[in-house]
Amino acid sequence: MDPRLKKRIMMFYVAGVINAFLGLYVVIEGRAFLPADTVRWLALFFFAFAAVDFWFPRLLKKKWLEAQAQLAARTGEAGGARREAGGETLSDKRGT
């Protein structure tokens, strides 16, 4: 996997943990100095972003895996087309 993609995925997970902790903080400590309605909205906001921060990396990884499968299928088709045309592929040159 591309290191930039790995870094982006890890940053989403870190942001998700931070948002979850902030949501818990608002729920636990916010009642002392905020109205109940504000506590609910803030907690909903932080927990919703935490959910997105944990869902989005899965989507990124799934898209990356699909792109890699398509790339592998294309290179497989291109190799097969070269063989049919009488051309050599890299594996033919290696002797495998």
N, C-alpha and C. Protein backbone atom coordinates (compact mmCIF):
# COMPACT_ATOMS: atom_id res chain seq x y z
N MET A 1 0.84 -1.17 0.00
CA MET A 1 0.00 0.00 0.00
C MET A 1 0.90 1.24 0.00
N ASP A 2 0.42 2.26 -0.65
CA ASP A 2 1.15 3.51 -0.75
C ASP A 2 1.34 4.11 0.66
N PRO A 3 2.55 4.55 1.00
CA PRO A 3 2.77 5.12 2.34
C PRO A 3 1.91 6.35 2.63
N ARG A 4 1.63 7.13 1.59
CA ARG A 4 0.77 8.31 1.82
C ARG A 4 -0.64 7.89 2.20
N LEU A 5 -1.13 6.81 1.58
CA LEU A 5 -2.46 6.31 1.89
C LEU A 5 -2.48 5.74 3.31
N LYS A 6 -1.44 5.01 3.68
CA LYS A 6 -1.35 4.47 5.04
C LYS A 6 -1.36 5.60 6.07
N LYS A 7 -0.61 6.66 5.78
CA LYS A 7 -0.55 7.80 6.69
C LYS A 7 -1.92 8.47 6.81
N ARG A 8 -2.59 8.61 5.68
CA ARG A 8 -3.93 9.23 5.68
C ARG A 8 -4.91 8.39 6.49
N ILE A 9 -4.84 7.07 6.32
CA ILE A 9 -5.73 6.17 7.06
C ILE A 9 -5.46 6.28 8.56
N MET A 10 -4.18 6.29 8.94
CA MET A 10 -3.84 6.41 10.36
C MET A 10 -4.30 7.75 10.94
N MET A 11 -4.21 8.81 10.16
CA MET A 11 -4.66 10.11 10.63
C MET A 11 -6.17 10.13 10.85
N PHE A 12 -6.91 9.43 10.00
CA PHE A 12 -8.36 9.35 10.21
C PHE A 12 -8.67 8.60 11.50
N TYR A 13 -7.93 7.51 11.77
CA TYR A 13 -8.16 6.76 13.01
C TYR A 13 -7.82 7.62 14.23
N VAL A 14 -6.73 8.37 14.16
CA VAL A 14 -6.36 9.26 15.28
C VAL A 14 -7.45 10.31 15.49
N ALA A 15 -7.92 10.90 14.41
CA ALA A 15 -8.99 11.90 14.52
C ALA A 15 -10.26 11.27 15.09
N GLY A 16 -10.55 10.03 14.72
CA GLY A 16 -11.73 9.35 15.26
C GLY A 16 -11.63 9.14 16.76
N VAL A 17 -10.45 8.76 17.23
CA VAL A 17 -10.25 8.57 18.67
C VAL A 17 -10.40 9.91 19.40
N ILE A 18 -9.80 10.95 18.83
CA ILE A 18 -9.91 12.27 19.46
C ILE A 18 -11.36 12.73 19.52
N ASN A 19 -12.10 12.56 18.41
CA ASN A 19 -13.51 12.95 18.40
C ASN A 19 -14.33 12.14 19.40
N ALA A 20 -14.03 10.85 19.52
CA ALA A 20 -14.76 10.02 20.48
C ALA A 20 -14.49 10.48 21.91
N PHE A 21 -13.22 10.77 22.22
CA PHE A 21 -12.89 11.27 23.56
C PHE A 21 -13.55 12.62 23.83
N LEU A 22 -13.55 13.50 22.85
CA LEU A 22 -14.21 14.80 23.04
C LEU A 22 -15.71 14.61 23.26
N GLY A 23 -16.31 13.69 22.53
CA GLY A 23 -17.73 13.41 22.74
C GLY A 23 -18.01 12.89 24.13
N LEU A 24 -17.16 11.97 24.60
CA LEU A 24 -17.32 11.47 25.96
C LEU A 24 -17.12 12.57 27.00
N TYR A 25 -16.14 13.43 26.77
CA TYR A 25 -15.90 14.54 27.69
C TYR A 25 -17.12 15.45 27.78
N VAL A 26 -17.70 15.75 26.62
CA VAL A 26 -18.89 16.63 26.62
C VAL A 26 -20.04 15.95 27.36
N VAL A 27 -20.21 14.66 27.14
CA VAL A 27 -21.31 13.94 27.79
C VAL A 27 -21.10 13.90 29.31
N ILE A 28 -19.86 13.63 29.73
CA ILE A 28 -19.60 13.46 31.17
C ILE A 28 -19.47 14.81 31.89
N GLU A 29 -18.63 15.69 31.36
CA GLU A 29 -18.33 16.94 32.06
C GLU A 29 -19.18 18.12 31.60
N GLY A 30 -19.74 18.03 30.41
CA GLY A 30 -20.49 19.15 29.86
C GLY A 30 -21.78 19.44 30.59
N ARG A 31 -22.32 18.45 31.25
CA ARG A 31 -23.60 18.63 31.97
C ARG A 31 -23.47 19.66 33.09
N ALA A 32 -22.25 19.82 33.60
CA ALA A 32 -22.04 20.73 34.72
C ALA A 32 -22.14 22.20 34.31
N PHE A 33 -21.78 22.50 33.09
CA PHE A 33 -21.73 23.92 32.71
C PHE A 33 -22.42 24.23 31.38
N LEU A 34 -23.11 23.26 30.78
CA LEU A 34 -23.85 23.50 29.53
C LEU A 34 -25.29 23.03 29.68
N PRO A 35 -26.21 23.68 28.96
CA PRO A 35 -27.60 23.18 28.95
C PRO A 35 -27.67 21.78 28.32
N ALA A 36 -28.68 21.04 28.70
CA ALA A 36 -28.82 19.65 28.23
C ALA A 36 -28.92 19.56 26.71
N ASP A 37 -29.63 20.49 26.11
CA ASP A 37 -29.78 20.47 24.64
C ASP A 37 -28.44 20.68 23.94
N THR A 38 -27.63 21.57 24.46
CA THR A 38 -26.30 21.83 23.89
C THR A 38 -25.41 20.61 24.04
N VAL A 39 -25.49 19.96 25.19
CA VAL A 39 -24.69 18.75 25.42
C VAL A 39 -25.06 17.69 24.39
N ARG A 40 -26.35 17.51 24.16
CA ARG A 40 -26.79 16.51 23.17
C ARG A 40 -26.26 16.83 21.79
N TRP A 41 -26.38 18.09 21.37
CA TRP A 41 -25.93 18.46 20.01
C TRP A 41 -24.41 18.33 19.86
N LEU A 42 -23.67 18.76 20.87
CA LEU A 42 -22.22 18.63 20.80
C LEU A 42 -21.78 17.17 20.79
N ALA A 43 -22.40 16.37 21.64
CA ALA A 43 -22.06 14.95 21.68
C ALA A 43 -22.40 14.28 20.35
N LEU A 44 -23.56 14.60 19.81
CA LEU A 44 -23.95 14.05 18.51
C LEU A 44 -22.94 14.46 17.44
N PHE A 45 -22.53 15.71 17.46
CA PHE A 45 -21.55 16.22 16.50
C PHE A 45 -20.24 15.44 16.59
N PHE A 46 -19.68 15.30 17.79
CA PHE A 46 -18.40 14.61 17.96
C PHE A 46 -18.51 13.13 17.63
N PHE A 47 -19.60 12.47 18.06
CA PHE A 47 -19.74 11.05 17.78
C PHE A 47 -20.00 10.79 16.30
N ALA A 48 -20.71 11.70 15.63
CA ALA A 48 -20.93 11.54 14.19
C ALA A 48 -19.60 11.66 13.44
N PHE A 49 -18.78 12.63 13.81
CA PHE A 49 -17.49 12.75 13.14
C PHE A 49 -16.57 11.59 13.49
N ALA A 50 -16.67 11.06 14.70
CA ALA A 50 -15.88 9.88 15.05
C ALA A 50 -16.30 8.69 14.19
N ALA A 51 -17.60 8.54 13.97
CA ALA A 51 -18.08 7.45 13.12
C ALA A 51 -17.56 7.61 11.69
N VAL A 52 -17.60 8.82 11.16
CA VAL A 52 -17.09 9.08 9.82
C VAL A 52 -15.58 8.81 9.77
N ASP A 53 -14.87 9.20 10.82
CA ASP A 53 -13.42 8.98 10.86
C ASP A 53 -13.05 7.51 10.92
N PHE A 54 -13.92 6.66 11.42
CA PHE A 54 -13.65 5.23 11.42
C PHE A 54 -14.18 4.54 10.17
N TRP A 55 -15.20 5.11 9.55
CA TRP A 55 -15.78 4.51 8.35
C TRP A 55 -14.97 4.85 7.10
N PHE A 56 -14.49 6.08 7.00
CA PHE A 56 -13.83 6.54 5.79
C PHE A 56 -12.54 5.76 5.47
N PRO A 57 -11.70 5.40 6.44
CA PRO A 57 -10.51 4.60 6.10
C PRO A 57 -10.87 3.24 5.49
N ARG A 58 -11.95 2.65 5.95
CA ARG A 58 -12.38 1.38 5.34
C ARG A 58 -12.76 1.59 3.88
N LEU A 59 -13.44 2.69 3.62
CA LEU A 59 -13.80 3.02 2.24
C LEU A 59 -12.56 3.26 1.39
N LEU A 60 -11.59 4.00 1.93
CA LEU A 60 -10.36 4.25 1.19
C LEU A 60 -9.62 2.95 0.88
N LYS A 61 -9.54 2.07 1.87
CA LYS A 61 -8.84 0.80 1.66
C LYS A 61 -9.58 -0.07 0.65
N LYS A 62 -10.91 -0.08 0.73
CA LYS A 62 -11.71 -0.85 -0.22
C LYS A 62 -11.52 -0.33 -1.64
N LYS A 63 -11.54 0.98 -1.82
CA LYS A 63 -11.32 1.58 -3.14
C LYS A 63 -9.92 1.26 -3.65
N TRP A 64 -8.92 1.31 -2.78
CA TRP A 64 -7.56 1.02 -3.18
C TRP A 64 -7.43 -0.43 -3.62
N LEU A 65 -8.04 -1.35 -2.86
CA LEU A 65 -7.99 -2.76 -3.23
C LEU A 65 -8.69 -3.01 -4.57
N GLU A 66 -9.82 -2.35 -4.80
CA GLU A 66 -10.52 -2.48 -6.08
C GLU A 66 -9.66 -1.95 -7.22
N ALA A 67 -8.99 -0.83 -7.00
CA ALA A 67 -8.12 -0.27 -8.04
C ALA A 67 -6.95 -1.20 -8.33
N GLN A 68 -6.40 -1.83 -7.29
CA GLN A 68 -5.30 -2.76 -7.50
C GLN A 68 -5.77 -4.00 -8.25
N ALA A 69 -6.99 -4.48 -7.97
CA ALA A 69 -7.52 -5.63 -8.68
C ALA A 69 -7.76 -5.29 -10.15
N GLN A 70 -8.27 -4.09 -10.42
CA GLN A 70 -8.48 -3.67 -11.81
C GLN A 70 -7.15 -3.53 -12.53
N LEU A 71 -6.15 -3.00 -11.86
CA LEU A 71 -4.83 -2.86 -12.46
C LEU A 71 -4.24 -4.23 -12.77
N ALA A 72 -4.39 -5.17 -11.85
CA ALA A 72 -3.89 -6.51 -12.07
C ALA A 72 -4.62 -7.18 -13.22
N ALA A 73 -5.93 -6.96 -13.31
CA ALA A 73 -6.71 -7.54 -14.41
C ALA A 73 -6.27 -6.94 -15.75
N ARG A 74 -6.01 -5.63 -15.77
CA ARG A 74 -5.57 -4.98 -17.01
C ARG A 74 -4.20 -5.47 -17.44
N THR A 75 -3.29 -5.60 -16.49
CA THR A 75 -1.95 -6.06 -16.85
C THR A 75 -1.99 -7.52 -17.26
N GLY A 76 -2.89 -8.29 -16.67
CA GLY A 76 -3.07 -9.68 -17.08
C GLY A 76 -3.63 -9.77 -18.50
N GLU A 77 -4.59 -8.91 -18.81
CA GLU A 77 -5.15 -8.89 -20.16
C GLU A 77 -4.12 -8.43 -21.17
N ALA A 78 -3.33 -7.44 -20.81
CA ALA A 78 -2.31 -6.92 -21.73
C ALA A 78 -1.25 -7.99 -21.98
N GLY A 79 -0.88 -8.74 -20.95
CA GLY A 79 0.09 -9.82 -21.14
C GLY A 79 -0.44 -10.91 -22.03
N GLY A 80 -1.71 -11.24 -21.86
CA GLY A 80 -2.33 -12.26 -22.70
C GLY A 80 -2.44 -11.80 -24.15
N ALA A 81 -2.74 -10.53 -24.35
CA ALA A 81 -2.84 -10.00 -25.71
C ALA A 81 -1.48 -9.99 -26.39
N ARG A 82 -0.42 -9.72 -25.65
CA ARG A 82 0.92 -9.74 -26.24
C ARG A 82 1.31 -11.14 -26.64
N ARG A 83 0.95 -12.13 -25.83
CA ARG A 83 1.28 -13.52 -26.17
C ARG A 83 0.56 -13.94 -27.45
N GLU A 84 -0.73 -13.55 -27.55
CA GLU A 84 -1.48 -13.92 -28.74
C GLU A 84 -0.89 -13.26 -29.98
N ALA A 85 -0.33 -12.08 -29.82
CA ALA A 85 0.25 -11.37 -30.96
C ALA A 85 1.68 -11.85 -31.24
N GLY A 86 2.21 -12.74 -30.42
CA GLY A 86 3.55 -13.25 -30.65
C GLY A 86 4.62 -12.50 -29.91
N GLY A 87 4.24 -11.56 -29.05
CA GLY A 87 5.21 -10.76 -28.31
C GLY A 87 5.62 -11.47 -27.03
N GLU A 88 6.74 -11.04 -26.47
CA GLU A 88 7.23 -11.61 -25.22
C GLU A 88 6.76 -10.75 -24.05
N THR A 89 6.44 -11.42 -22.97
CA THR A 89 6.12 -10.70 -21.74
C THR A 89 7.34 -10.74 -20.83
N LEU A 90 7.27 -10.03 -19.74
CA LEU A 90 8.39 -9.97 -18.82
C LEU A 90 8.68 -11.35 -18.25
N SER A 91 7.63 -12.11 -17.95
CA SER A 91 7.85 -13.46 -17.40
C SER A 91 8.47 -14.38 -18.46
N ASP A 92 8.17 -14.16 -19.74
CA ASP A 92 8.79 -14.93 -20.82
C ASP A 92 10.28 -14.63 -20.87
N LYS A 93 10.64 -13.37 -20.67
CA LYS A 93 12.04 -12.97 -20.74
C LYS A 93 12.81 -13.55 -19.55
N ARG A 94 12.14 -13.68 -18.40
CA ARG A 94 12.80 -14.24 -17.22
C ARG A 94 12.93 -15.75 -17.33
N GLY A 95 12.13 -16.35 -18.17
CA GLY A 95 12.18 -17.80 -18.31
C GLY A 95 11.24 -18.52 -17.38
N THR A 96 10.24 -17.82 -16.85
CA THR A 96 9.29 -18.48 -15.95
C THR A 96 7.98 -18.72 -16.64
